[in-house]
Amino acid sequence: MAVKKPSIPKSPSPLTAEEQKVWDSVYNAINHDFIPNECLPLLVLYCRHVCKERHIAAQIEKIESRLDLTDLDHLKIYKSLMTLLDNEGRSVAAHARSLRLTSQALRSVNDSNRSADHSPKPWEVE
């Protein structure tokens, strides 16, 4: 008898196609029951911030070569875009930490005993 893999839960809010790809990629990287239902709205925010960060980075890349950073107006535009990019990046990181999606959090879940010392603990000795 084949074991049926649980399906990816639906988002509690509508997602764009790009946001849905992020949602699916998260679920393809973790056990499907890793994120409890009450945290799904936080995953929605994570997906949205990832997409916004990508969009802002793409816009910066498009206009970067045309900006004259000796021009004060251009410098203000560039600084504003870089601030937006930084804010989105911080939001992505904060949501990833909250959802325990960072490599460190996932490693600690998968490797509960990461220390090099494998000797028995005092309470394990008979």
N, C-alpha and C. Protein backbone atom coordinates (compact mmCIF):
# COMPACT_ATOMS: atom_id res chain seq x y z
N MET A 1 0.85 -1.18 0.00
CA MET A 1 0.00 0.00 0.00
C MET A 1 0.90 1.24 0.00
N ALA A 2 0.71 2.13 -0.94
CA ALA A 2 1.51 3.35 -1.05
C ALA A 2 1.05 4.38 -0.04
N VAL A 3 2.04 5.07 0.53
CA VAL A 3 1.74 6.14 1.49
C VAL A 3 1.51 7.42 0.71
N LYS A 4 0.37 8.02 0.94
CA LYS A 4 0.01 9.25 0.23
C LYS A 4 0.66 10.44 0.92
N LYS A 5 1.40 11.23 0.14
CA LYS A 5 2.05 12.43 0.68
C LYS A 5 0.98 13.50 0.89
N PRO A 6 1.00 14.17 2.07
CA PRO A 6 -0.01 15.21 2.30
C PRO A 6 0.09 16.32 1.25
N SER A 7 -1.04 16.89 0.91
CA SER A 7 -1.03 17.96 -0.09
C SER A 7 -0.63 19.28 0.57
N ILE A 8 -0.17 20.19 -0.27
CA ILE A 8 0.22 21.52 0.21
C ILE A 8 -1.04 22.27 0.60
N PRO A 9 -1.08 22.83 1.83
CA PRO A 9 -2.28 23.56 2.23
C PRO A 9 -2.51 24.79 1.37
N LYS A 10 -3.77 25.16 1.24
CA LYS A 10 -4.12 26.37 0.49
C LYS A 10 -3.81 27.59 1.35
N SER A 11 -3.45 28.65 0.68
CA SER A 11 -3.21 29.91 1.36
C SER A 11 -4.53 30.47 1.88
N PRO A 12 -4.52 31.06 3.10
CA PRO A 12 -5.76 31.66 3.62
C PRO A 12 -6.14 32.95 2.89
N SER A 13 -5.22 33.51 2.12
CA SER A 13 -5.47 34.73 1.36
C SER A 13 -5.07 34.48 -0.09
N PRO A 14 -5.69 35.21 -1.02
CA PRO A 14 -5.31 35.03 -2.43
C PRO A 14 -3.85 35.45 -2.64
N LEU A 15 -3.15 34.69 -3.46
CA LEU A 15 -1.75 34.99 -3.79
C LEU A 15 -1.63 35.21 -5.29
N THR A 16 -0.66 36.05 -5.66
CA THR A 16 -0.35 36.20 -7.08
C THR A 16 0.35 34.91 -7.53
N ALA A 17 0.54 34.75 -8.83
CA ALA A 17 1.23 33.57 -9.35
C ALA A 17 2.64 33.49 -8.80
N GLU A 18 3.33 34.62 -8.72
CA GLU A 18 4.70 34.65 -8.21
C GLU A 18 4.72 34.29 -6.72
N GLU A 19 3.78 34.83 -5.95
CA GLU A 19 3.69 34.51 -4.52
C GLU A 19 3.36 33.04 -4.31
N GLN A 20 2.52 32.48 -5.18
CA GLN A 20 2.17 31.06 -5.08
C GLN A 20 3.40 30.18 -5.32
N LYS A 21 4.28 30.60 -6.22
CA LYS A 21 5.52 29.86 -6.46
C LYS A 21 6.39 29.84 -5.20
N VAL A 22 6.45 30.97 -4.49
CA VAL A 22 7.22 31.02 -3.24
C VAL A 22 6.58 30.10 -2.22
N TRP A 23 5.24 30.18 -2.09
CA TRP A 23 4.48 29.32 -1.17
C TRP A 23 4.80 27.85 -1.43
N ASP A 24 4.71 27.46 -2.70
CA ASP A 24 4.97 26.07 -3.08
C ASP A 24 6.41 25.68 -2.80
N SER A 25 7.35 26.58 -3.07
CA SER A 25 8.76 26.26 -2.84
C SER A 25 9.05 26.06 -1.35
N VAL A 26 8.38 26.83 -0.50
CA VAL A 26 8.55 26.63 0.95
C VAL A 26 8.05 25.25 1.33
N TYR A 27 6.86 24.91 0.88
CA TYR A 27 6.28 23.61 1.24
C TYR A 27 7.02 22.44 0.60
N ASN A 28 7.66 22.65 -0.53
CA ASN A 28 8.45 21.59 -1.13
C ASN A 28 9.77 21.37 -0.39
N ALA A 29 10.16 22.34 0.44
CA ALA A 29 11.42 22.24 1.18
C ALA A 29 11.25 21.73 2.61
N ILE A 30 10.02 21.65 3.08
CA ILE A 30 9.77 21.25 4.47
C ILE A 30 8.71 20.15 4.52
N ASN A 31 8.56 19.56 5.69
CA ASN A 31 7.43 18.65 5.90
C ASN A 31 6.16 19.48 5.85
N HIS A 32 5.13 18.95 5.23
CA HIS A 32 3.91 19.73 5.03
C HIS A 32 3.19 20.08 6.33
N ASP A 33 3.50 19.39 7.40
CA ASP A 33 2.87 19.72 8.69
C ASP A 33 3.78 20.57 9.57
N PHE A 34 4.89 21.07 9.01
CA PHE A 34 5.86 21.85 9.78
C PHE A 34 5.28 23.18 10.25
N ILE A 35 4.49 23.82 9.41
CA ILE A 35 3.90 25.13 9.74
C ILE A 35 2.46 24.90 10.16
N PRO A 36 2.13 25.20 11.42
CA PRO A 36 0.74 25.00 11.86
C PRO A 36 -0.22 25.96 11.16
N ASN A 37 -1.46 25.57 11.07
CA ASN A 37 -2.48 26.38 10.36
C ASN A 37 -2.55 27.80 10.88
N GLU A 38 -2.37 28.00 12.17
CA GLU A 38 -2.48 29.36 12.73
C GLU A 38 -1.34 30.27 12.27
N CYS A 39 -0.28 29.69 11.70
CA CYS A 39 0.85 30.49 11.20
C CYS A 39 0.80 30.71 9.69
N LEU A 40 -0.20 30.18 9.02
CA LEU A 40 -0.29 30.35 7.57
C LEU A 40 -0.39 31.81 7.14
N PRO A 41 -1.10 32.68 7.88
CA PRO A 41 -1.09 34.11 7.48
C PRO A 41 0.32 34.71 7.52
N LEU A 42 1.16 34.23 8.42
CA LEU A 42 2.55 34.71 8.47
C LEU A 42 3.32 34.23 7.25
N LEU A 43 3.03 33.03 6.78
CA LEU A 43 3.67 32.54 5.56
C LEU A 43 3.20 33.35 4.35
N VAL A 44 1.96 33.77 4.34
CA VAL A 44 1.46 34.64 3.27
C VAL A 44 2.30 35.93 3.23
N LEU A 45 2.50 36.53 4.40
CA LEU A 45 3.31 37.76 4.46
C LEU A 45 4.73 37.49 3.98
N TYR A 46 5.31 36.36 4.39
CA TYR A 46 6.65 36.00 3.94
C TYR A 46 6.70 35.95 2.41
N CYS A 47 5.74 35.27 1.81
CA CYS A 47 5.70 35.14 0.34
C CYS A 47 5.59 36.51 -0.33
N ARG A 48 4.74 37.36 0.23
CA ARG A 48 4.56 38.70 -0.35
C ARG A 48 5.84 39.53 -0.24
N HIS A 49 6.50 39.48 0.91
CA HIS A 49 7.73 40.25 1.09
C HIS A 49 8.85 39.73 0.18
N VAL A 50 8.94 38.42 -0.01
CA VAL A 50 9.94 37.87 -0.92
C VAL A 50 9.72 38.44 -2.32
N CYS A 51 8.48 38.44 -2.77
CA CYS A 51 8.17 38.94 -4.12
C CYS A 51 8.40 40.44 -4.23
N LYS A 52 8.03 41.20 -3.20
CA LYS A 52 8.26 42.65 -3.22
C LYS A 52 9.75 42.95 -3.27
N GLU A 53 10.53 42.20 -2.50
CA GLU A 53 11.98 42.41 -2.48
C GLU A 53 12.56 42.14 -3.85
N ARG A 54 12.12 41.08 -4.49
CA ARG A 54 12.60 40.75 -5.85
C ARG A 54 12.22 41.85 -6.84
N HIS A 55 10.99 42.37 -6.72
CA HIS A 55 10.52 43.41 -7.63
C HIS A 55 11.34 44.70 -7.46
N ILE A 56 11.57 45.09 -6.22
CA ILE A 56 12.35 46.31 -5.96
C ILE A 56 13.78 46.13 -6.47
N ALA A 57 14.37 44.96 -6.22
CA ALA A 57 15.74 44.70 -6.71
C ALA A 57 15.79 44.77 -8.23
N ALA A 58 14.78 44.25 -8.90
CA ALA A 58 14.74 44.31 -10.37
C ALA A 58 14.62 45.75 -10.86
N GLN A 59 13.82 46.56 -10.17
CA GLN A 59 13.68 47.96 -10.55
C GLN A 59 14.99 48.72 -10.36
N ILE A 60 15.67 48.44 -9.28
CA ILE A 60 16.97 49.09 -9.04
C ILE A 60 17.94 48.71 -10.15
N GLU A 61 17.96 47.43 -10.49
CA GLU A 61 18.86 46.96 -11.54
C GLU A 61 18.56 47.64 -12.88
N LYS A 62 17.28 47.87 -13.18
CA LYS A 62 16.90 48.51 -14.44
C LYS A 62 17.39 49.95 -14.54
N ILE A 63 17.28 50.70 -13.44
CA ILE A 63 17.59 52.13 -13.51
C ILE A 63 19.00 52.48 -13.03
N GLU A 64 19.68 51.53 -12.42
CA GLU A 64 20.99 51.82 -11.82
C GLU A 64 21.98 52.42 -12.81
N SER A 65 22.05 51.87 -13.99
CA SER A 65 23.03 52.35 -14.97
C SER A 65 22.68 53.74 -15.50
N ARG A 66 21.41 54.14 -15.40
CA ARG A 66 20.97 55.45 -15.89
C ARG A 66 21.07 56.55 -14.84
N LEU A 67 21.30 56.16 -13.59
CA LEU A 67 21.35 57.17 -12.53
C LEU A 67 22.72 57.82 -12.48
N ASP A 68 22.71 59.11 -12.29
CA ASP A 68 23.94 59.88 -12.07
C ASP A 68 23.96 60.21 -10.59
N LEU A 69 24.75 59.45 -9.84
CA LEU A 69 24.73 59.59 -8.38
C LEU A 69 25.41 60.87 -7.88
N THR A 70 25.94 61.68 -8.82
CA THR A 70 26.43 62.99 -8.42
C THR A 70 25.29 64.01 -8.43
N ASP A 71 24.18 63.63 -9.07
CA ASP A 71 22.97 64.46 -9.09
C ASP A 71 22.18 64.17 -7.82
N LEU A 72 21.89 65.20 -7.05
CA LEU A 72 21.22 65.03 -5.76
C LEU A 72 19.85 64.37 -5.89
N ASP A 73 19.09 64.72 -6.92
CA ASP A 73 17.77 64.10 -7.12
C ASP A 73 17.90 62.61 -7.41
N HIS A 74 18.87 62.25 -8.25
CA HIS A 74 19.10 60.84 -8.56
C HIS A 74 19.54 60.09 -7.31
N LEU A 75 20.38 60.73 -6.54
CA LEU A 75 20.87 60.10 -5.30
C LEU A 75 19.72 59.85 -4.33
N LYS A 76 18.78 60.78 -4.24
CA LYS A 76 17.60 60.60 -3.37
C LYS A 76 16.74 59.43 -3.84
N ILE A 77 16.53 59.32 -5.14
CA ILE A 77 15.76 58.20 -5.69
C ILE A 77 16.45 56.89 -5.37
N TYR A 78 17.75 56.85 -5.62
CA TYR A 78 18.53 55.63 -5.37
C TYR A 78 18.48 55.25 -3.89
N LYS A 79 18.66 56.25 -3.04
CA LYS A 79 18.63 55.99 -1.59
C LYS A 79 17.24 55.48 -1.16
N SER A 80 16.19 56.06 -1.70
CA SER A 80 14.84 55.61 -1.37
C SER A 80 14.61 54.16 -1.78
N LEU A 81 15.05 53.83 -2.99
CA LEU A 81 14.89 52.45 -3.47
C LEU A 81 15.72 51.47 -2.64
N MET A 82 16.93 51.86 -2.29
CA MET A 82 17.78 50.99 -1.48
C MET A 82 17.20 50.81 -0.07
N THR A 83 16.58 51.85 0.45
CA THR A 83 15.93 51.75 1.76
C THR A 83 14.74 50.80 1.68
N LEU A 84 13.95 50.91 0.62
CA LEU A 84 12.83 49.98 0.42
C LEU A 84 13.33 48.54 0.32
N LEU A 85 14.41 48.35 -0.44
CA LEU A 85 14.98 47.01 -0.61
C LEU A 85 15.46 46.46 0.73
N ASP A 86 16.13 47.29 1.49
CA ASP A 86 16.61 46.86 2.80
C ASP A 86 15.46 46.50 3.73
N ASN A 87 14.41 47.32 3.72
CA ASN A 87 13.24 47.05 4.58
C ASN A 87 12.57 45.73 4.20
N GLU A 88 12.43 45.48 2.90
CA GLU A 88 11.83 44.21 2.47
C GLU A 88 12.71 43.03 2.86
N GLY A 89 14.02 43.20 2.69
CA GLY A 89 14.94 42.13 3.08
C GLY A 89 14.85 41.83 4.57
N ARG A 90 14.74 42.86 5.38
CA ARG A 90 14.59 42.66 6.83
C ARG A 90 13.27 41.96 7.15
N SER A 91 12.21 42.32 6.44
CA SER A 91 10.92 41.67 6.66
C SER A 91 10.98 40.20 6.28
N VAL A 92 11.62 39.90 5.16
CA VAL A 92 11.77 38.51 4.74
C VAL A 92 12.51 37.73 5.82
N ALA A 93 13.61 38.28 6.29
CA ALA A 93 14.41 37.59 7.31
C ALA A 93 13.62 37.40 8.60
N ALA A 94 12.89 38.43 9.01
CA ALA A 94 12.10 38.33 10.25
C ALA A 94 11.02 37.26 10.14
N HIS A 95 10.32 37.23 9.01
CA HIS A 95 9.28 36.22 8.82
C HIS A 95 9.88 34.82 8.71
N ALA A 96 11.01 34.71 8.04
CA ALA A 96 11.67 33.40 7.93
C ALA A 96 12.08 32.90 9.32
N ARG A 97 12.60 33.79 10.15
CA ARG A 97 12.96 33.39 11.53
C ARG A 97 11.73 32.99 12.32
N SER A 98 10.67 33.77 12.21
CA SER A 98 9.43 33.47 12.95
C SER A 98 8.85 32.13 12.54
N LEU A 99 8.95 31.82 11.26
CA LEU A 99 8.43 30.56 10.75
C LEU A 99 9.43 29.41 10.90
N ARG A 100 10.62 29.73 11.38
CA ARG A 100 11.71 28.75 11.55
C ARG A 100 12.11 28.14 10.21
N LEU A 101 12.23 29.01 9.20
CA LEU A 101 12.61 28.57 7.86
C LEU A 101 14.09 28.79 7.56
N THR A 102 14.81 29.41 8.48
CA THR A 102 16.22 29.67 8.24
C THR A 102 16.99 28.35 8.25
N SER A 103 18.14 28.33 7.61
CA SER A 103 18.93 27.10 7.56
C SER A 103 19.32 26.65 8.97
N GLN A 104 19.62 27.59 9.84
CA GLN A 104 19.99 27.23 11.21
C GLN A 104 18.81 26.58 11.94
N ALA A 105 17.63 27.14 11.80
CA ALA A 105 16.45 26.57 12.47
C ALA A 105 16.13 25.19 11.91
N LEU A 106 16.19 25.04 10.59
CA LEU A 106 15.89 23.75 9.98
C LEU A 106 16.94 22.72 10.34
N ARG A 107 18.20 23.13 10.43
CA ARG A 107 19.27 22.22 10.80
C ARG A 107 19.08 21.74 12.23
N SER A 108 18.68 22.65 13.13
CA SER A 108 18.50 22.25 14.52
C SER A 108 17.30 21.34 14.69
N VAL A 109 16.30 21.46 13.81
CA VAL A 109 15.15 20.55 13.85
C VAL A 109 15.57 19.18 13.36
N ASN A 110 16.35 19.14 12.28
CA ASN A 110 16.76 17.87 11.68
C ASN A 110 17.88 17.19 12.44
N ASP A 111 18.77 17.95 13.02
CA ASP A 111 19.91 17.41 13.75
C ASP A 111 19.81 17.83 15.20
N SER A 112 18.99 17.14 15.95
CA SER A 112 18.77 17.55 17.33
C SER A 112 20.04 17.43 18.16
N ASN A 113 20.97 16.60 17.71
CA ASN A 113 22.22 16.47 18.44
C ASN A 113 23.36 16.85 17.49
N ARG A 114 23.68 18.13 17.41
CA ARG A 114 24.70 18.60 16.48
C ARG A 114 26.07 18.70 17.12
N SER A 115 26.16 18.50 18.43
CA SER A 115 27.45 18.67 19.09
C SER A 115 28.40 17.54 18.71
N ALA A 116 29.69 17.83 18.77
CA ALA A 116 30.70 16.83 18.43
C ALA A 116 30.86 15.81 19.56
N ASP A 117 30.47 16.16 20.75
CA ASP A 117 30.61 15.28 21.90
C ASP A 117 29.44 14.30 21.94
N HIS A 118 29.71 13.05 21.59
CA HIS A 118 28.67 12.03 21.58
C HIS A 118 28.74 11.13 22.81
N SER A 119 29.52 11.54 23.81
CA SER A 119 29.63 10.71 25.02
C SER A 119 28.31 10.76 25.78
N PRO A 120 28.02 9.71 26.58
CA PRO A 120 26.75 9.70 27.31
C PRO A 120 26.68 10.85 28.32
N LYS A 121 25.49 11.38 28.44
CA LYS A 121 25.26 12.44 29.42
C LYS A 121 25.22 11.80 30.81
N PRO A 122 25.48 12.59 31.85
CA PRO A 122 25.51 12.03 33.21
C PRO A 122 24.23 11.28 33.56
N TRP A 123 23.09 11.74 33.08
CA TRP A 123 21.83 11.07 33.42
C TRP A 123 21.58 9.82 32.56
N GLU A 124 22.41 9.64 31.52
CA GLU A 124 22.26 8.48 30.65
C GLU A 124 23.12 7.30 31.09
N VAL A 125 24.07 7.54 32.00
CA VAL A 125 24.98 6.50 32.47
C VAL A 125 24.25 5.59 33.45
N GLU A 126 24.45 4.27 33.26
CA GLU A 126 23.77 3.34 34.17
C GLU A 126 24.65 3.01 35.35
